[in-house]
Protein backbone atom coordinates (compact mmCIF):
# COMPACT_ATOMS: atom_id res chain seq x y z
CA MET A 1 95.47 99.27 64.33
CA LYS A 2 93.28 100.37 67.21
CA THR A 3 89.66 99.41 67.50
CA VAL A 4 86.90 101.98 67.64
CA SER A 5 86.13 102.78 71.23
CA GLN A 6 82.48 103.14 72.08
CA SER A 7 81.01 106.24 73.50
CA THR A 8 78.92 107.01 76.51
CA PHE A 9 76.10 105.63 74.35
CA SER A 10 75.53 101.93 74.98
CA ARG A 11 75.87 99.61 72.01
CA ARG A 12 72.07 99.32 72.05
CA ASP A 13 71.70 103.10 71.89
CA PHE A 14 74.25 103.34 69.11
CA LEU A 15 72.54 100.69 67.01
CA LYS A 16 69.20 102.35 67.66
CA LEU A 17 70.57 105.59 66.22
CA THR A 18 72.23 104.06 63.20
CA GLY A 19 70.20 100.95 62.52
CA THR A 20 71.60 97.56 63.48
CA LEU A 21 73.37 96.92 60.21
CA ALA A 22 74.62 100.48 59.94
CA GLY A 23 76.01 100.37 63.46
CA VAL A 24 77.86 97.14 62.86
CA GLY A 25 79.27 98.56 59.63
CA LEU A 26 80.67 101.63 61.36
CA LEU A 27 82.14 99.67 64.26
CA THR A 28 83.95 97.22 62.03
CA ALA A 29 84.74 99.09 58.83
CA CYS A 30 85.92 102.57 59.80
CA GLY A 31 89.68 102.81 59.96
CA LEU A 32 91.49 104.95 62.52
CA VAL A 33 94.67 106.93 62.32
CA GLY A 34 96.88 107.52 65.32
CA ALA A 35 96.35 110.68 67.35
CA PRO A 36 98.76 113.51 66.43
CA ALA A 37 101.28 114.52 69.06
CA ALA A 38 99.88 117.77 70.45
CA LEU A 39 96.16 117.11 70.65
CA PRO A 40 94.35 119.06 73.38
CA LYS A 41 92.54 117.15 76.07
CA GLY A 42 88.80 116.92 75.78
CA GLN A 43 85.79 114.81 74.95
CA TRP A 44 85.77 113.74 71.32
CA ALA A 45 82.53 113.20 69.44
CA PHE A 46 81.45 111.95 66.02
CA CYS A 47 79.01 114.02 63.92
CA LEU A 48 76.36 111.57 62.77
CA HIS A 49 75.55 111.12 59.11
CA ASP A 50 72.17 112.27 57.87
CA TYR A 51 70.91 108.71 57.54
CA GLN A 52 71.79 108.04 61.19
CA LEU A 53 69.39 110.70 62.46
CA GLU A 54 66.44 108.79 63.82
CA GLY A 55 63.13 109.99 62.41
CA VAL A 56 64.71 112.45 59.99
CA TRP A 57 66.31 110.64 57.10
CA ASP A 58 63.39 108.36 56.26
CA HIS A 59 61.02 111.34 56.20
CA ASP A 60 63.33 113.29 53.89
CA ARG A 61 63.88 110.31 51.65
CA LYS A 62 60.16 109.65 51.17
CA TYR A 63 58.52 113.05 51.39
CA ARG A 64 60.97 115.74 50.31
CA THR A 65 59.47 118.27 47.92
CA TYR A 66 62.23 118.05 45.29
CA PRO A 67 62.35 114.34 44.40
CA LYS A 68 64.66 114.88 41.43
CA LYS A 69 67.48 115.79 43.81
CA ILE A 70 68.99 112.43 44.75
CA ALA A 71 71.76 113.71 47.02
CA ARG A 72 72.58 116.61 49.30
CA PRO A 73 75.55 117.94 51.28
CA GLU A 74 75.71 116.65 54.84
CA THR A 75 75.38 119.91 56.74
CA VAL A 76 75.49 119.74 60.52
CA THR A 77 73.53 122.81 61.57
CA THR A 78 75.13 124.46 64.58
CA PHE A 79 73.83 127.15 66.92
CA LEU A 80 75.80 129.76 64.96
CA LYS A 81 74.48 128.71 61.55
CA ASN A 82 74.17 131.86 59.42
CA LYS A 83 76.69 133.64 61.67
CA PHE A 84 79.22 134.19 58.91
CA VAL A 85 82.94 134.64 59.49
CA ALA A 86 84.63 137.00 57.02
CA LEU A 87 87.80 135.36 55.73
CA SER A 88 90.78 137.69 55.57
CA PRO A 89 93.39 136.97 52.89
CA GLU A 90 95.37 135.01 55.48
CA TRP A 91 92.36 132.79 56.23
CA GLN A 92 91.58 132.30 52.55
CA TRP A 93 95.14 131.15 51.91
CA PHE A 94 95.04 128.85 54.96
CA TRP A 95 91.90 127.17 53.62
CA TYR A 96 93.16 127.00 50.02
CA ARG A 97 96.54 125.57 51.04
CA ASN A 98 94.78 122.83 52.97
CA LEU A 99 92.95 121.95 49.75
CA ILE A 100 96.32 121.83 47.98
CA TYR A 101 97.56 119.48 50.69
CA CYS A 102 94.58 117.19 50.15
CA ALA A 103 95.40 116.87 46.45
CA PHE A 104 99.20 117.00 46.41
CA GLY A 105 100.51 116.40 49.94
CA HIS A 106 102.10 119.83 50.37
CA PHE A 107 101.00 123.40 51.11
CA ASN A 108 103.04 125.27 48.48
CA GLU A 109 100.99 126.73 45.63
CA SER A 110 104.20 127.69 43.80
CA LYS A 111 104.91 123.99 43.20
CA LEU A 112 101.76 123.56 41.11
CA ASN A 113 102.10 123.33 37.35
CA LYS A 114 99.69 125.24 35.11
CA GLU A 115 97.14 122.43 34.89
CA GLN A 116 97.19 121.81 38.63
CA LYS A 117 96.81 125.51 39.38
CA ARG A 118 93.90 125.76 36.97
CA ASP A 119 92.24 122.72 38.57
CA MET A 120 92.74 124.11 42.06
CA HIS A 121 91.30 127.51 41.14
CA LYS A 122 88.30 125.81 39.55
CA ALA A 123 87.71 123.65 42.65
CA TRP A 124 88.17 126.66 44.94
CA LEU A 125 85.69 128.87 43.08
CA TRP A 126 83.18 126.01 42.98
CA LEU A 127 83.53 125.40 46.72
CA ILE A 128 83.11 129.07 47.69
CA LYS A 129 80.35 129.82 45.19
CA GLY A 130 77.71 131.98 46.81
CA SER A 131 74.86 129.61 45.90
CA GLU A 132 76.59 126.70 47.67
CA MET A 133 76.39 125.73 51.34
CA VAL A 134 79.71 126.99 52.67
CA THR A 135 79.56 130.69 51.79
CA ASN A 136 75.78 130.84 51.22
CA ARG A 137 75.32 134.25 49.52
CA HIS A 138 78.74 135.42 50.72
CA GLY A 139 80.80 134.11 47.82
CA PRO A 140 82.97 135.70 45.11
CA GLU A 141 80.00 136.93 43.12
CA THR A 142 79.46 139.66 45.71
CA HIS A 143 82.47 139.45 48.06
CA TRP A 144 86.25 139.79 47.79
CA GLU A 145 88.14 136.60 46.93
CA VAL A 146 91.94 136.85 46.82
CA ILE A 147 93.26 133.43 45.75
CA THR A 148 92.71 133.56 41.98
CA GLY A 149 93.93 137.15 41.65
CA GLU A 150 90.76 138.18 39.82
CA HIS A 151 89.74 140.65 42.56
CA LYS A 152 86.31 141.19 41.00
CA ASN A 153 84.99 142.72 44.20
CA ARG A 154 88.13 144.37 45.54
CA GLY A 155 87.29 146.63 48.46
CA GLN A 156 84.06 144.80 49.33
CA ASP A 157 83.70 142.55 52.38
CA TYR A 158 85.75 139.37 52.14
CA ILE A 159 84.08 136.07 51.30
CA SER A 160 82.60 134.52 54.44
CA HIS A 161 82.32 131.01 55.84
CA ASP A 162 79.10 129.84 57.46
CA GLY A 163 79.14 128.32 60.96
CA LEU A 164 78.52 124.72 59.98
CA LEU A 165 80.06 121.27 60.25
CA ALA A 166 80.04 118.17 58.03
CA GLY A 167 78.54 114.77 58.87
CA GLY A 168 81.00 111.91 59.34
CA ASN A 169 83.65 114.09 61.02
CA ILE A 170 84.76 114.58 64.61
CA ILE A 171 84.68 117.54 66.99
CA ARG A 172 86.11 118.25 70.43
CA VAL A 173 83.35 118.94 72.94
CA THR A 174 84.57 121.43 75.54
CA GLY A 175 81.83 121.59 78.18
CA GLU A 176 78.62 120.25 79.63
CA LYS A 177 75.29 120.08 77.85
CA ILE A 178 73.19 123.23 78.06
CA ARG A 179 69.68 124.24 77.07
CA LYS A 180 69.77 127.14 74.62
CA GLY A 181 67.37 128.34 71.95
CA GLY A 182 64.91 125.56 72.75
CA GLN A 183 67.34 122.70 72.18
CA ASP A 184 69.99 120.66 73.98
CA LEU A 185 73.47 121.70 72.88
CA TYR A 186 77.13 120.99 73.56
CA PRO A 187 79.92 123.58 73.18
CA PHE A 188 82.76 122.54 70.91
CA GLU A 189 86.14 123.87 69.81
CA SER A 190 86.39 125.92 66.62
CA MET A 191 89.14 127.98 65.05
CA ASP A 192 88.81 131.63 66.07
CA GLY A 193 88.07 133.68 62.97
CA SER A 194 88.74 136.94 64.84
CA LYS A 195 92.44 136.00 65.05
CA PRO A 196 95.00 135.10 62.37
CA PRO A 197 94.93 131.47 61.25
CA PRO A 198 97.12 128.97 63.10
CA ASP A 199 100.45 127.67 61.81
CA ILE A 200 99.41 125.40 58.94
CA ASN A 201 102.23 122.96 59.74
CA GLU A 202 100.69 122.38 63.16
CA VAL A 203 96.98 122.72 62.39
CA ASN A 204 95.80 121.21 59.14
CA VAL A 205 93.33 118.70 57.74
CA GLU A 206 95.52 115.76 58.76
CA THR A 207 96.71 116.86 62.22
CA ARG A 208 93.41 118.42 63.36
CA PRO A 209 90.54 116.83 61.41
CA ASP A 210 88.16 118.23 64.03
CA LEU A 211 88.98 121.76 62.85
CA LEU A 212 89.04 121.07 59.10
CA HIS A 213 86.17 118.82 58.11
CA ARG A 214 86.13 116.57 55.07
CA ALA A 215 82.93 117.57 53.28
CA THR A 216 80.44 114.78 52.61
CA ILE A 217 77.40 114.16 50.42
CA SER A 218 74.48 111.92 51.43
CA HIS A 219 72.76 109.96 48.69
CA PHE A 220 69.26 108.52 48.70
CA GLU A 221 70.85 105.25 47.59
CA GLN A 222 70.50 102.45 50.11
CA LEU A 223 73.31 99.90 50.23
CA ASP A 224 73.00 96.16 50.76
CA ASP A 225 73.83 96.49 54.48
CA GLY A 226 70.91 98.89 55.08
CA THR A 227 73.02 102.04 55.29
CA PHE A 228 73.08 104.82 52.72
CA LYS A 229 75.84 105.94 50.40
CA VAL A 230 78.03 108.86 51.54
CA ASP A 231 80.59 110.31 49.14
CA PRO A 232 83.24 113.02 49.33
CA PHE A 233 82.57 116.35 47.68
CA PRO A 234 83.52 115.95 44.00
CA HIS A 235 85.56 119.14 43.70
CA LEU A 236 88.93 117.34 43.74
CA GLU A 237 87.93 113.87 42.57
CA LYS A 238 90.40 114.12 39.68
CA TYR A 239 93.11 113.81 42.36
CA ASN A 240 91.19 111.36 44.60
CA ALA A 241 91.32 114.05 47.28
CA HIS A 242 89.17 115.23 50.16
CA THR A 243 87.46 118.60 49.93
CA VAL A 244 87.70 120.36 53.28
CA ILE A 245 85.69 123.08 54.96
CA LEU A 246 86.59 125.08 58.06
CA ASN A 247 85.27 124.63 61.57
CA ILE A 248 85.45 128.34 62.33
CA SER A 249 83.53 130.91 64.37
CA ILE A 250 83.92 134.20 66.20
CA ASP A 251 81.91 133.32 69.30
CA GLN A 252 81.49 130.05 71.15
CA ASN A 253 79.57 127.64 68.94
CA TYR A 254 77.33 124.74 69.95
CA VAL A 255 76.22 121.51 68.28
CA PRO A 256 72.80 119.86 68.82
CA ALA A 257 73.09 116.98 71.28
CA ASN A 258 71.16 114.64 68.99
CA ARG A 259 73.63 115.16 66.15
CA ILE A 260 76.71 113.65 67.84
CA MET A 261 77.93 110.38 69.33
CA PHE A 262 80.59 110.55 72.04
CA LEU A 263 83.80 108.55 71.71
CA ASN A 264 86.03 107.18 74.46
CA GLY A 265 89.05 108.92 73.00
CA TYR A 266 90.49 110.46 69.88
CA ALA A 267 89.48 108.59 66.72
CA THR A 268 89.03 109.67 63.13
CA LEU A 269 86.34 107.60 61.49
CA ASN A 270 86.39 107.31 57.72
CA PRO A 271 83.70 109.83 56.76
CA TYR A 272 82.49 108.01 53.65
CA ASN A 273 80.20 105.03 53.15
CA PRO A 274 81.38 102.66 51.77
CA GLU A 275 84.79 103.52 53.16
CA ARG A 276 87.00 105.41 50.73
CA MET A 277 90.78 105.61 50.71
CA MET A 278 91.86 109.08 49.64
CA ASN A 279 95.21 110.65 48.84
CA PHE A 280 96.89 111.51 52.12
CA ALA A 281 94.94 109.55 54.76
CA SER A 282 92.03 107.23 55.39
């Protein structure tokens, strides 16, 4: 097992961002999986959890206006947030089959029994619901969804995916830092929603976790080590499976510089806290 390589941040900088105990926890507890064979070259970076954002988490935890809400999705707001990508039937099936892989270790929906198919449709419709973060008013209530065969809005625009990322995941930074829209940003690789999806056997949640993020939820529950609890989305918890979202855009997207930590090479950190072992991978 490899050790986590540190980034261009010094250890002092890293611990400042995460809190001393939180930093130590990440450096010692997060497992790695070996890099897949055909990874592109580039600078890899880790999307920080909400609680690792200096000056943000504590304010939210103490002063947020809806105190009854004890958890929230970890949304990494990118430069192209609210720049929705319409998902053709091919893209919807690519996404859905990756969810099947998370639960069952294969991409073939025809292998599902009736209960499994019902569970997957339920999880899918929950994930793409228009009031939730991923489609955000572009879900099946008003847009065309093809997976379930219901076709309630046949002929309308297809459901759309927002330009966002999930905390606890990695991205591949592809260029130098720029100043844009009043903030420091880095360009990063996304799947191109203007083209057909890639071959799912080559690009999937396990081979390219930078392009299919494991969705995470931050809790306002502090752990004994000073960090905060981070769980997977619950959509497929019956199968102890990740719920994935797409890293997808039409144009070049950018991530805020203060939301990432650079790594010295490819590494997939366990996105949950405490660490969780899920179906197909760590």
